[in-house]
């Protein structure tokens, strides 16, 4: 009798993390990333637990929406490639983003805003 092994999401998540590191390094040289860094540094935008940004100031709403639209495209592609839910991808990205953002960046942890 052949034994069937249960497949877990660990392997796809590890592949996703590698893709995240690559994507973050590629985004680091773009004008879009420079604008994001400026918005983070000013406190106008904060990073949320689900991999999306939040406009902490009303004037940054359009920028936050544009950034989130770009991230959603990436998350959808990764989710489809890995066969996982998009929210799962966003949470993995959020963990990596939290590690990489500079000190002073606003991040949302357990529903509370804190400065890294």
PDB file of N, CA and C in Angstrom:
ATOM      1  N   UNK A   1       0.840  -1.172   0.000  1.00  0.00           N
ATOM      2  CA  UNK A   1       0.000   0.000   0.000  1.00  0.00           C
ATOM      3  C   UNK A   1       0.890   1.243   0.000  1.00  0.00           C
ATOM      4  N   UNK A   2       0.607   2.140  -0.897  1.00  0.00           N
ATOM      5  CA  UNK A   2       1.412   3.350  -1.025  1.00  0.00           C
ATOM      6  C   UNK A   2       0.924   4.396  -0.032  1.00  0.00           C
ATOM      7  N   UNK A   3       1.847   5.005   0.634  1.00  0.00           N
ATOM      8  CA  UNK A   3       1.514   6.008   1.631  1.00  0.00           C
ATOM      9  C   UNK A   3       1.509   7.387   0.972  1.00  0.00           C
ATOM     10  N   UNK A   4       0.480   8.163   1.240  1.00  0.00           N
ATOM     11  CA  UNK A   4       0.359   9.508   0.678  1.00  0.00           C
ATOM     12  C   UNK A   4       0.847  10.506   1.719  1.00  0.00           C
ATOM     13  N   UNK A   5       1.750  11.361   1.290  1.00  0.00           N
ATOM     14  CA  UNK A   5       2.323  12.345   2.190  1.00  0.00           C
ATOM     15  C   UNK A   5       1.543  13.646   2.092  1.00  0.00           C
ATOM     16  N   UNK A   6       1.240  14.234   3.213  1.00  0.00           N
ATOM     17  CA  UNK A   6       0.509  15.492   3.251  1.00  0.00           C
ATOM     18  C   UNK A   6       1.427  16.618   2.777  1.00  0.00           C
ATOM     19  N   UNK A   7       0.922  17.447   1.876  1.00  0.00           N
ATOM     20  CA  UNK A   7       1.683  18.580   1.357  1.00  0.00           C
ATOM     21  C   UNK A   7       1.352  19.796   2.204  1.00  0.00           C
ATOM     22  N   UNK A   8       2.379  20.512   2.631  1.00  0.00           N
ATOM     23  CA  UNK A   8       2.159  21.712   3.424  1.00  0.00           C
ATOM     24  C   UNK A   8       2.505  22.932   2.603  1.00  0.00           C
ATOM     25  N   UNK A   9       2.182  24.103   3.158  1.00  0.00           N
ATOM     26  CA  UNK A   9       2.458  25.352   2.446  1.00  0.00           C
ATOM     27  C   UNK A   9       3.848  25.882   2.758  1.00  0.00           C
ATOM     28  N   UNK A  10       4.640  25.159   3.511  1.00  0.00           N
ATOM     29  CA  UNK A  10       5.970  25.645   3.878  1.00  0.00           C
ATOM     30  C   UNK A  10       6.856  25.845   2.659  1.00  0.00           C
ATOM     31  N   UNK A  11       6.889  24.867   1.773  1.00  0.00           N
ATOM     32  CA  UNK A  11       7.744  24.963   0.594  1.00  0.00           C
ATOM     33  C   UNK A  11       7.355  26.145  -0.294  1.00  0.00           C
ATOM     34  N   UNK A  12       6.065  26.333  -0.610  1.00  0.00           N
ATOM     35  CA  UNK A  12       5.708  27.507  -1.404  1.00  0.00           C
ATOM     36  C   UNK A  12       6.045  28.819  -0.693  1.00  0.00           C
ATOM     37  N   UNK A  13       5.908  28.862   0.608  1.00  0.00           N
ATOM     38  CA  UNK A  13       6.211  30.088   1.342  1.00  0.00           C
ATOM     39  C   UNK A  13       7.703  30.400   1.297  1.00  0.00           C
ATOM     40  N   UNK A  14       8.550  29.385   1.341  1.00  0.00           N
ATOM     41  CA  UNK A  14       9.985  29.627   1.246  1.00  0.00           C
ATOM     42  C   UNK A  14      10.340  30.189  -0.120  1.00  0.00           C
ATOM     43  N   UNK A  15       9.726  29.655  -1.157  1.00  0.00           N
ATOM     44  CA  UNK A  15       9.938  30.187  -2.499  1.00  0.00           C
ATOM     45  C   UNK A  15       9.444  31.614  -2.609  1.00  0.00           C
ATOM     46  N   UNK A  16       8.342  31.880  -1.942  1.00  0.00           N
ATOM     47  CA  UNK A  16       7.774  33.220  -1.945  1.00  0.00           C
ATOM     48  C   UNK A  16       8.710  34.206  -1.244  1.00  0.00           C
ATOM     49  N   UNK A  17       9.297  33.797  -0.153  1.00  0.00           N
ATOM     50  CA  UNK A  17      10.226  34.672   0.571  1.00  0.00           C
ATOM     51  C   UNK A  17      11.416  35.017  -0.304  1.00  0.00           C
ATOM     52  N   UNK A  18      11.942  34.035  -1.026  1.00  0.00           N
ATOM     53  CA  UNK A  18      13.045  34.314  -1.949  1.00  0.00           C
ATOM     54  C   UNK A  18      12.617  35.314  -3.010  1.00  0.00           C
ATOM     55  N   UNK A  19      11.421  35.172  -3.524  1.00  0.00           N
ATOM     56  CA  UNK A  19      10.910  36.105  -4.533  1.00  0.00           C
ATOM     57  C   UNK A  19      10.734  37.499  -3.936  1.00  0.00           C
ATOM     58  N   UNK A  20      10.338  37.558  -2.675  1.00  0.00           N
ATOM     59  CA  UNK A  20      10.150  38.841  -2.000  1.00  0.00           C
ATOM     60  C   UNK A  20      11.472  39.593  -1.916  1.00  0.00           C
ATOM     61  N   UNK A  21      12.487  38.894  -1.493  1.00  0.00           N
ATOM     62  CA  UNK A  21      13.800  39.530  -1.360  1.00  0.00           C
ATOM     63  C   UNK A  21      14.249  40.092  -2.709  1.00  0.00           C
ATOM     64  N   UNK A  22      14.045  39.322  -3.759  1.00  0.00           N
ATOM     65  CA  UNK A  22      14.395  39.793  -5.091  1.00  0.00           C
ATOM     66  C   UNK A  22      13.559  41.007  -5.483  1.00  0.00           C
ATOM     67  N   UNK A  23      12.266  40.936  -5.265  1.00  0.00           N
ATOM     68  CA  UNK A  23      11.386  42.049  -5.645  1.00  0.00           C
ATOM     69  C   UNK A  23      11.727  43.312  -4.869  1.00  0.00           C
ATOM     70  N   UNK A  24      11.994  43.176  -3.590  1.00  0.00           N
ATOM     71  CA  UNK A  24      12.341  44.352  -2.794  1.00  0.00           C
ATOM     72  C   UNK A  24      13.660  44.963  -3.239  1.00  0.00           C
ATOM     73  N   UNK A  25      14.609  44.128  -3.612  1.00  0.00           N
ATOM     74  CA  UNK A  25      15.887  44.666  -4.070  1.00  0.00           C
ATOM     75  C   UNK A  25      15.745  45.354  -5.419  1.00  0.00           C
ATOM     76  N   UNK A  26      14.872  44.836  -6.279  1.00  0.00           N
ATOM     77  CA  UNK A  26      14.655  45.466  -7.578  1.00  0.00           C
ATOM     78  C   UNK A  26      13.906  46.786  -7.438  1.00  0.00           C
ATOM     79  N   UNK A  27      12.966  46.846  -6.522  1.00  0.00           N
ATOM     80  CA  UNK A  27      12.190  48.075  -6.315  1.00  0.00           C
ATOM     81  C   UNK A  27      13.025  49.160  -5.667  1.00  0.00           C
ATOM     82  N   UNK A  28      14.080  48.799  -4.992  1.00  0.00           N
ATOM     83  CA  UNK A  28      14.892  49.767  -4.279  1.00  0.00           C
ATOM     84  C   UNK A  28      15.547  50.814  -5.159  1.00  0.00           C
ATOM     85  N   UNK A  29      15.656  50.578  -6.462  1.00  0.00           N
ATOM     86  CA  UNK A  29      16.333  51.528  -7.335  1.00  0.00           C
ATOM     87  C   UNK A  29      15.373  52.396  -8.128  1.00  0.00           C
ATOM     88  N   UNK A  30      14.094  52.194  -7.994  1.00  0.00           N
ATOM     89  CA  UNK A  30      13.136  52.931  -8.811  1.00  0.00           C
ATOM     90  C   UNK A  30      12.735  54.258  -8.177  1.00  0.00           C
ATOM     91  N   UNK A  31      12.210  55.134  -9.014  1.00  0.00           N
ATOM     92  CA  UNK A  31      11.681  56.412  -8.529  1.00  0.00           C
ATOM     93  C   UNK A  31      10.526  56.153  -7.577  1.00  0.00           C
ATOM     94  N   UNK A  32       9.725  55.144  -7.896  1.00  0.00           N
ATOM     95  CA  UNK A  32       8.593  54.788  -7.048  1.00  0.00           C
ATOM     96  C   UNK A  32       9.073  54.478  -5.626  1.00  0.00           C
ATOM     97  N   UNK A  33      10.152  53.729  -5.521  1.00  0.00           N
ATOM     98  CA  UNK A  33      10.683  53.382  -4.208  1.00  0.00           C
ATOM     99  C   UNK A  33      11.226  54.618  -3.499  1.00  0.00           C
ATOM    100  N   UNK A  34      11.859  55.529  -4.248  1.00  0.00           N
ATOM    101  CA  UNK A  34      12.351  56.768  -3.634  1.00  0.00           C
ATOM    102  C   UNK A  34      11.203  57.571  -3.049  1.00  0.00           C
ATOM    103  N   UNK A  35      10.096  57.677  -3.794  1.00  0.00           N
ATOM    104  CA  UNK A  35       8.937  58.396  -3.302  1.00  0.00           C
ATOM    105  C   UNK A  35       8.367  57.715  -2.063  1.00  0.00           C
ATOM    106  N   UNK A  36       8.306  56.404  -2.092  1.00  0.00           N
ATOM    107  CA  UNK A  36       7.819  55.648  -0.937  1.00  0.00           C
ATOM    108  C   UNK A  36       8.700  55.913   0.276  1.00  0.00           C
ATOM    109  N   UNK A  37      10.001  55.906   0.082  1.00  0.00           N
ATOM    110  CA  UNK A  37      10.921  56.175   1.197  1.00  0.00           C
ATOM    111  C   UNK A  37      10.698  57.563   1.779  1.00  0.00           C
ATOM    112  N   UNK A  38      10.497  58.548   0.907  1.00  0.00           N
ATOM    113  CA  UNK A  38      10.230  59.914   1.381  1.00  0.00           C
ATOM    114  C   UNK A  38       8.921  59.980   2.165  1.00  0.00           C
ATOM    115  N   UNK A  39       7.909  59.303   1.676  1.00  0.00           N
ATOM    116  CA  UNK A  39       6.620  59.287   2.371  1.00  0.00           C
ATOM    117  C   UNK A  39       6.716  58.569   3.714  1.00  0.00           C
ATOM    118  N   UNK A  40       7.473  57.492   3.755  1.00  0.00           N
ATOM    119  CA  UNK A  40       7.689  56.791   5.026  1.00  0.00           C
ATOM    120  C   UNK A  40       8.431  57.690   6.013  1.00  0.00           C
ATOM    121  N   UNK A  41       9.502  58.327   5.522  1.00  0.00           N
ATOM    122  CA  UNK A  41      10.341  59.161   6.393  1.00  0.00           C
ATOM    123  C   UNK A  41       9.549  60.329   6.970  1.00  0.00           C
ATOM    124  N   UNK A  42       8.625  60.866   6.197  1.00  0.00           N
ATOM    125  CA  UNK A  42       7.833  61.998   6.679  1.00  0.00           C
ATOM    126  C   UNK A  42       6.707  61.558   7.607  1.00  0.00           C
ATOM    127  N   UNK A  43       6.415  60.257   7.622  1.00  0.00           N
ATOM    128  CA  UNK A  43       5.318  59.740   8.440  1.00  0.00           C
ATOM    129  C   UNK A  43       3.978  59.812   7.742  1.00  0.00           C
ATOM    130  N   UNK A  44       3.968  60.257   6.487  1.00  0.00           N
ATOM    131  CA  UNK A  44       2.715  60.383   5.738  1.00  0.00           C
ATOM    132  C   UNK A  44       2.126  59.017   5.393  1.00  0.00           C
ATOM    133  N   UNK A  45       2.994  58.025   5.285  1.00  0.00           N
ATOM    134  CA  UNK A  45       2.564  56.661   4.963  1.00  0.00           C
ATOM    135  C   UNK A  45       3.179  55.705   5.968  1.00  0.00           C
ATOM    136  N   UNK A  46       2.388  54.713   6.362  1.00  0.00           N
ATOM    137  CA  UNK A  46       2.868  53.668   7.251  1.00  0.00           C
ATOM    138  C   UNK A  46       2.654  52.305   6.621  1.00  0.00           C
ATOM    139  N   UNK A  47       3.406  51.333   7.072  1.00  0.00           N
ATOM    140  CA  UNK A  47       3.307  49.962   6.580  1.00  0.00           C
ATOM    141  C   UNK A  47       2.361  49.163   7.464  1.00  0.00           C
ATOM    142  N   UNK A  48       1.455  48.453   6.827  1.00  0.00           N
ATOM    143  CA  UNK A  48       0.450  47.688   7.547  1.00  0.00           C
ATOM    144  C   UNK A  48       0.826  46.209   7.607  1.00  0.00           C
ATOM    145  N   UNK A  49       0.271  45.486   8.534  1.00  0.00           N
ATOM    146  CA  UNK A  49       0.536  44.072   8.789  1.00  0.00           C
ATOM    147  C   UNK A  49       0.213  43.152   7.615  1.00  0.00           C
ATOM    148  N   UNK A  50      -0.596  43.636   6.666  1.00  0.00           N
ATOM    149  CA  UNK A  50      -1.028  42.786   5.554  1.00  0.00           C
ATOM    150  C   UNK A  50      -0.266  43.036   4.257  1.00  0.00           C
ATOM    151  N   UNK A  51       0.816  43.827   4.337  1.00  0.00           N
ATOM    152  CA  UNK A  51       1.636  44.065   3.165  1.00  0.00           C
ATOM    153  C   UNK A  51       1.254  45.290   2.364  1.00  0.00           C
ATOM    154  N   UNK A  52       0.279  46.025   2.827  1.00  0.00           N
ATOM    155  CA  UNK A  52      -0.142  47.244   2.153  1.00  0.00           C
ATOM    156  C   UNK A  52       0.221  48.447   3.002  1.00  0.00           C
ATOM    157  N   UNK A  53       0.221  49.625   2.376  1.00  0.00           N
ATOM    158  CA  UNK A  53       0.507  50.858   3.094  1.00  0.00           C
ATOM    159  C   UNK A  53      -0.798  51.565   3.439  1.00  0.00           C
ATOM    160  N   UNK A  54      -0.697  52.461   4.406  1.00  0.00           N
ATOM    161  CA  UNK A  54      -1.835  53.283   4.819  1.00  0.00           C
ATOM    162  C   UNK A  54      -1.392  54.734   4.792  1.00  0.00           C
ATOM    163  N   UNK A  55      -2.243  55.579   4.242  1.00  0.00           N
ATOM    164  CA  UNK A  55      -1.986  57.015   4.273  1.00  0.00           C
ATOM    165  C   UNK A  55      -2.299  57.493   5.683  1.00  0.00           C
ATOM    166  N   UNK A  56      -1.283  57.902   6.394  1.00  0.00           N
ATOM    167  CA  UNK A  56      -1.464  58.413   7.751  1.00  0.00           C
ATOM    168  C   UNK A  56      -1.818  59.890   7.722  1.00  0.00           C
ATOM    169  N   UNK A  57      -1.615  60.530   6.582  1.00  0.00           N
ATOM    170  CA  UNK A  57      -2.006  61.919   6.353  1.00  0.00           C
ATOM    171  C   UNK A  57      -2.896  61.958   5.117  1.00  0.00           C
ATOM    172  N   UNK A  58      -3.967  62.730   5.136  1.00  0.00           N
ATOM    173  CA  UNK A  58      -4.901  62.763   3.997  1.00  0.00           C
ATOM    174  C   UNK A  58      -4.239  63.080   2.657  1.00  0.00           C
ATOM    175  N   UNK A  59      -3.218  63.900   2.634  1.00  0.00           N
ATOM    176  CA  UNK A  59      -2.559  64.273   1.396  1.00  0.00           C
ATOM    177  C   UNK A  59      -1.793  63.143   0.728  1.00  0.00           C
ATOM    178  N   UNK A  60      -1.592  62.042   1.431  1.00  0.00           N
ATOM    179  CA  UNK A  60      -0.833  60.915   0.882  1.00  0.00           C
ATOM    180  C   UNK A  60      -1.739  59.793   0.383  1.00  0.00           C
ATOM    181  N   UNK A  61      -3.038  60.039   0.393  1.00  0.00           N
ATOM    182  CA  UNK A  61      -4.003  58.992   0.014  1.00  0.00           C
ATOM    183  C   UNK A  61      -3.782  58.480  -1.418  1.00  0.00           C
ATOM    184  N   UNK A  62      -3.621  59.380  -2.375  1.00  0.00           N
ATOM    185  CA  UNK A  62      -3.438  58.965  -3.771  1.00  0.00           C
ATOM    186  C   UNK A  62      -2.167  58.138  -3.935  1.00  0.00           C
ATOM    187  N   UNK A  63      -1.086  58.553  -3.261  1.00  0.00           N
ATOM    188  CA  UNK A  63       0.161  57.802  -3.339  1.00  0.00           C
ATOM    189  C   UNK A  63       0.002  56.415  -2.715  1.00  0.00           C
ATOM    190  N   UNK A  64      -0.681  56.351  -1.582  1.00  0.00           N
ATOM    191  CA  UNK A  64      -0.906  55.065  -0.923  1.00  0.00           C
ATOM    192  C   UNK A  64      -1.719  54.142  -1.819  1.00  0.00           C
ATOM    193  N   UNK A  65      -2.746  54.680  -2.460  1.00  0.00           N
ATOM    194  CA  UNK A  65      -3.565  53.868  -3.359  1.00  0.00           C
ATOM    195  C   UNK A  65      -2.740  53.333  -4.528  1.00  0.00           C
ATOM    196  N   UNK A  66      -1.869  54.174  -5.077  1.00  0.00           N
ATOM    197  CA  UNK A  66      -1.029  53.760  -6.206  1.00  0.00           C
ATOM    198  C   UNK A  66      -0.034  52.670  -5.778  1.00  0.00           C
ATOM    199  N   UNK A  67       0.569  52.850  -4.617  1.00  0.00           N
ATOM    200  CA  UNK A  67       1.516  51.862  -4.090  1.00  0.00           C
ATOM    201  C   UNK A  67       0.799  50.534  -3.849  1.00  0.00           C
ATOM    202  N   UNK A  68      -0.380  50.603  -3.241  1.00  0.00           N
ATOM    203  CA  UNK A  68      -1.140  49.383  -2.964  1.00  0.00           C
ATOM    204  C   UNK A  68      -1.585  48.682  -4.236  1.00  0.00           C
ATOM    205  N   UNK A  69      -1.910  49.440  -5.267  1.00  0.00           N
ATOM    206  CA  UNK A  69      -2.293  48.830  -6.542  1.00  0.00           C
ATOM    207  C   UNK A  69      -1.118  48.044  -7.126  1.00  0.00           C
ATOM    208  N   UNK A  70       0.088  48.619  -7.045  1.00  0.00           N
ATOM    209  CA  UNK A  70       1.278  47.914  -7.540  1.00  0.00           C
ATOM    210  C   UNK A  70       1.558  46.665  -6.713  1.00  0.00           C
ATOM    211  N   UNK A  71       1.446  46.789  -5.406  1.00  0.00           N
ATOM    212  CA  UNK A  71       1.694  45.634  -4.543  1.00  0.00           C
ATOM    213  C   UNK A  71       0.672  44.534  -4.791  1.00  0.00           C
ATOM    214  N   UNK A  72      -0.586  44.924  -4.994  1.00  0.00           N
ATOM    215  CA  UNK A  72      -1.627  43.924  -5.219  1.00  0.00           C
ATOM    216  C   UNK A  72      -1.328  43.101  -6.464  1.00  0.00           C
ATOM    217  N   UNK A  73      -0.831  43.745  -7.502  1.00  0.00           N
ATOM    218  CA  UNK A  73      -0.464  43.024  -8.730  1.00  0.00           C
ATOM    219  C   UNK A  73       0.615  41.978  -8.418  1.00  0.00           C
ATOM    220  N   UNK A  74       1.635  42.393  -7.682  1.00  0.00           N
ATOM    221  CA  UNK A  74       2.717  41.477  -7.312  1.00  0.00           C
ATOM    222  C   UNK A  74       2.177  40.341  -6.455  1.00  0.00           C
ATOM    223  N   UNK A  75       1.360  40.663  -5.462  1.00  0.00           N
ATOM    224  CA  UNK A  75       0.815  39.642  -4.565  1.00  0.00           C
ATOM    225  C   UNK A  75      -0.061  38.653  -5.331  1.00  0.00           C
ATOM    226  N   UNK A  76      -0.868  39.155  -6.271  1.00  0.00           N
ATOM    227  CA  UNK A  76      -1.720  38.264  -7.065  1.00  0.00           C
ATOM    228  C   UNK A  76      -0.879  37.311  -7.902  1.00  0.00           C
ATOM    229  N   UNK A  77       0.177  37.829  -8.505  1.00  0.00           N
ATOM    230  CA  UNK A  77       1.057  36.987  -9.323  1.00  0.00           C
ATOM    231  C   UNK A  77       1.713  35.911  -8.469  1.00  0.00           C
ATOM    232  N   UNK A  78       2.223  36.292  -7.328  1.00  0.00           N
ATOM    233  CA  UNK A  78       2.891  35.332  -6.442  1.00  0.00           C
ATOM    234  C   UNK A  78       1.901  34.309  -5.903  1.00  0.00           C
ATOM    235  N   UNK A  79       0.706  34.760  -5.547  1.00  0.00           N
ATOM    236  CA  UNK A  79      -0.309  33.847  -5.023  1.00  0.00           C
ATOM    237  C   UNK A  79      -0.693  32.810  -6.074  1.00  0.00           C
ATOM    238  N   UNK A  80      -0.876  33.259  -7.304  1.00  0.00           N
ATOM    239  CA  UNK A  80      -1.235  32.344  -8.388  1.00  0.00           C
ATOM    240  C   UNK A  80      -0.103  31.350  -8.652  1.00  0.00           C
ATOM    241  N   UNK A  81       1.127  31.842  -8.649  1.00  0.00           N
ATOM    242  CA  UNK A  81       2.275  30.978  -8.919  1.00  0.00           C
ATOM    243  C   UNK A  81       2.483  29.944  -7.816  1.00  0.00           C
ATOM    244  N   UNK A  82       2.200  30.332  -6.580  1.00  0.00           N
ATOM    245  CA  UNK A  82       2.438  29.443  -5.446  1.00  0.00           C
ATOM    246  C   UNK A  82       1.206  28.639  -5.045  1.00  0.00           C
ATOM    247  N   UNK A  83       0.050  29.010  -5.575  1.00  0.00           N
ATOM    248  CA  UNK A  83      -1.178  28.299  -5.220  1.00  0.00           C
ATOM    249  C   UNK A  83      -1.638  28.577  -3.807  1.00  0.00           C
ATOM    250  N   UNK A  84      -1.430  29.811  -3.366  1.00  0.00           N
ATOM    251  CA  UNK A  84      -1.856  30.201  -2.019  1.00  0.00           C
ATOM    252  C   UNK A  84      -2.751  31.436  -2.122  1.00  0.00           C
ATOM    253  N   UNK A  85      -3.359  31.820  -1.014  1.00  0.00           N
ATOM    254  CA  UNK A  85      -4.239  32.985  -0.977  1.00  0.00           C
ATOM    255  C   UNK A  85      -3.431  34.278  -1.030  1.00  0.00           C
ATOM    256  N   UNK A  86      -3.991  35.295  -1.655  1.00  0.00           N
ATOM    257  CA  UNK A  86      -3.312  36.583  -1.792  1.00  0.00           C
ATOM    258  C   UNK A  86      -3.011  37.203  -0.427  1.00  0.00           C
ATOM    259  N   UNK A  87      -3.903  37.042   0.542  1.00  0.00           N
ATOM    260  CA  UNK A  87      -3.648  37.623   1.865  1.00  0.00           C
ATOM    261  C   UNK A  87      -2.460  36.954   2.546  1.00  0.00           C
ATOM    262  N   UNK A  88      -2.250  35.692   2.257  1.00  0.00           N
ATOM    263  CA  UNK A  88      -1.090  34.979   2.800  1.00  0.00           C
ATOM    264  C   UNK A  88       0.198  35.571   2.229  1.00  0.00           C
ATOM    265  N   UNK A  89       0.191  35.868   0.936  1.00  0.00           N
ATOM    266  CA  UNK A  89       1.348  36.482   0.292  1.00  0.00           C
ATOM    267  C   UNK A  89       1.610  37.856   0.906  1.00  0.00           C
ATOM    268  N   UNK A  90       0.572  38.657   1.069  1.00  0.00           N
ATOM    269  CA  UNK A  90       0.722  39.989   1.651  1.00  0.00           C
ATOM    270  C   UNK A  90       1.332  39.952   3.038  1.00  0.00           C
ATOM    271  N   UNK A  91       0.942  39.001   3.842  1.00  0.00           N
ATOM    272  CA  UNK A  91       1.483  38.895   5.196  1.00  0.00           C
ATOM    273  C   UNK A  91       2.964  38.519   5.186  1.00  0.00           C
ATOM    274  N   UNK A  92       3.352  37.655   4.250  1.00  0.00           N
ATOM    275  CA  UNK A  92       4.764  37.284   4.129  1.00  0.00           C
ATOM    276  C   UNK A  92       5.574  38.512   3.690  1.00  0.00           C
ATOM    277  N   UNK A  93       5.043  39.241   2.723  1.00  0.00           N
ATOM    278  CA  UNK A  93       5.711  40.469   2.278  1.00  0.00           C
ATOM    279  C   UNK A  93       5.824  41.449   3.437  1.00  0.00           C
ATOM    280  N   UNK A  94       4.763  41.597   4.209  1.00  0.00           N
ATOM    281  CA  UNK A  94       4.777  42.540   5.337  1.00  0.00           C
ATOM    282  C   UNK A  94       5.906  42.215   6.310  1.00  0.00           C
ATOM    283  N   UNK A  95       6.092  40.948   6.604  1.00  0.00           N
ATOM    284  CA  UNK A  95       7.174  40.554   7.516  1.00  0.00           C
ATOM    285  C   UNK A  95       8.526  40.997   6.968  1.00  0.00           C
ATOM    286  N   UNK A  96       8.727  40.790   5.676  1.00  0.00           N
ATOM    287  CA  UNK A  96       9.995  41.181   5.057  1.00  0.00           C
ATOM    288  C   UNK A  96      10.139  42.707   4.992  1.00  0.00           C
ATOM    289  N   UNK A  97       9.063  43.385   4.689  1.00  0.00           N
ATOM    290  CA  UNK A  97       9.085  44.849   4.638  1.00  0.00           C
ATOM    291  C   UNK A  97       9.426  45.398   6.015  1.00  0.00           C
ATOM    292  N   UNK A  98       8.792  44.873   7.053  1.00  0.00           N
ATOM    293  CA  UNK A  98       9.057  45.343   8.420  1.00  0.00           C
ATOM    294  C   UNK A  98      10.532  45.194   8.772  1.00  0.00           C
ATOM    295  N   UNK A  99      11.153  44.118   8.315  1.00  0.00           N
ATOM    296  CA  UNK A  99      12.571  43.898   8.596  1.00  0.00           C
ATOM    297  C   UNK A  99      13.453  44.908   7.881  1.00  0.00           C
ATOM    298  N   UNK A 100      13.039  45.324   6.682  1.00  0.00           N
ATOM    299  CA  UNK A 100      13.900  46.140   5.823  1.00  0.00           C
ATOM    300  C   UNK A 100      13.696  47.645   5.932  1.00  0.00           C
ATOM    301  N   UNK A 101      12.539  48.089   6.419  1.00  0.00           N
ATOM    302  CA  UNK A 101      12.307  49.537   6.476  1.00  0.00           C
ATOM    303  C   UNK A 101      13.233  50.164   7.516  1.00  0.00           C
ATOM    304  N   UNK A 102      13.623  51.415   7.266  1.00  0.00           N
ATOM    305  CA  UNK A 102      14.537  52.073   8.202  1.00  0.00           C
ATOM    306  C   UNK A 102      13.860  52.441   9.519  1.00  0.00           C
ATOM    307  N   UNK A 103      14.677  52.653  10.519  1.00  0.00           N
ATOM    308  CA  UNK A 103      14.179  53.120  11.818  1.00  0.00           C
ATOM    309  C   UNK A 103      13.403  54.408  11.607  1.00  0.00           C
ATOM    310  N   UNK A 104      12.341  54.548  12.371  1.00  0.00           N
ATOM    311  CA  UNK A 104      11.499  55.740  12.255  1.00  0.00           C
ATOM    312  C   UNK A 104      10.287  55.534  11.381  1.00  0.00           C
ATOM    313  N   UNK A 105      10.238  54.411  10.653  1.00  0.00           N
ATOM    314  CA  UNK A 105       9.089  54.106   9.808  1.00  0.00           C
ATOM    315  C   UNK A 105       7.922  53.667  10.687  1.00  0.00           C
ATOM    316  N   UNK A 106       6.732  54.177  10.377  1.00  0.00           N
ATOM    317  CA  UNK A 106       5.530  53.762  11.098  1.00  0.00           C
ATOM    318  C   UNK A 106       5.085  52.406  10.563  1.00  0.00           C
ATOM    319  N   UNK A 107       4.870  51.461  11.490  1.00  0.00           N
ATOM    320  CA  UNK A 107       4.365  50.138  11.127  1.00  0.00           C
ATOM    321  C   UNK A 107       3.202  49.792  12.040  1.00  0.00           C
ATOM    322  N   UNK A 108       2.301  49.002  11.500  1.00  0.00           N
ATOM    323  CA  UNK A 108       1.127  48.608  12.279  1.00  0.00           C
ATOM    324  C   UNK A 108       1.331  47.188  12.798  1.00  0.00           C
ATOM    325  N   UNK A 109       1.328  47.045  14.109  1.00  0.00           N
ATOM    326  CA  UNK A 109       1.509  45.753  14.761  1.00  0.00           C
ATOM    327  C   UNK A 109       0.335  45.541  15.703  1.00  0.00           C
ATOM    328  N   UNK A 110      -0.397  44.457  15.499  1.00  0.00           N
ATOM    329  CA  UNK A 110      -1.568  44.133  16.319  1.00  0.00           C
ATOM    330  C   UNK A 110      -2.549  45.296  16.406  1.00  0.00           C
ATOM    331  N   UNK A 111      -2.732  45.988  15.287  1.00  0.00           N
ATOM    332  CA  UNK A 111      -3.685  47.082  15.223  1.00  0.00           C
ATOM    333  C   UNK A 111      -3.180  48.411  15.758  1.00  0.00           C
ATOM    334  N   UNK A 112      -1.965  48.423  16.291  1.00  0.00           N
ATOM    335  CA  UNK A 112      -1.395  49.648  16.857  1.00  0.00           C
ATOM    336  C   UNK A 112      -0.263  50.164  15.985  1.00  0.00           C
ATOM    337  N   UNK A 113      -0.176  51.479  15.841  1.00  0.00           N
ATOM    338  CA  UNK A 113       0.908  52.101  15.091  1.00  0.00           C
ATOM    339  C   UNK A 113       2.089  52.337  16.011  1.00  0.00           C
ATOM    340  N   UNK A 114       3.266  51.881  15.568  1.00  0.00           N
ATOM    341  CA  UNK A 114       4.488  52.111  16.324  1.00  0.00           C
ATOM    342  C   UNK A 114       5.583  52.539  15.343  1.00  0.00           C
ATOM    343  N   UNK A 115       6.558  53.236  15.849  1.00  0.00           N
ATOM    344  CA  UNK A 115       7.713  53.567  15.027  1.00  0.00           C
ATOM    345  C   UNK A 115       8.739  52.476  15.211  1.00  0.00           C
ATOM    346  N   UNK A 116       9.270  52.025  14.087  1.00  0.00           N
ATOM    347  CA  UNK A 116      10.308  50.993  14.157  1.00  0.00           C
ATOM    348  C   UNK A 116      11.554  51.596  14.751  1.00  0.00           C
TER     349      UNK A 116
END
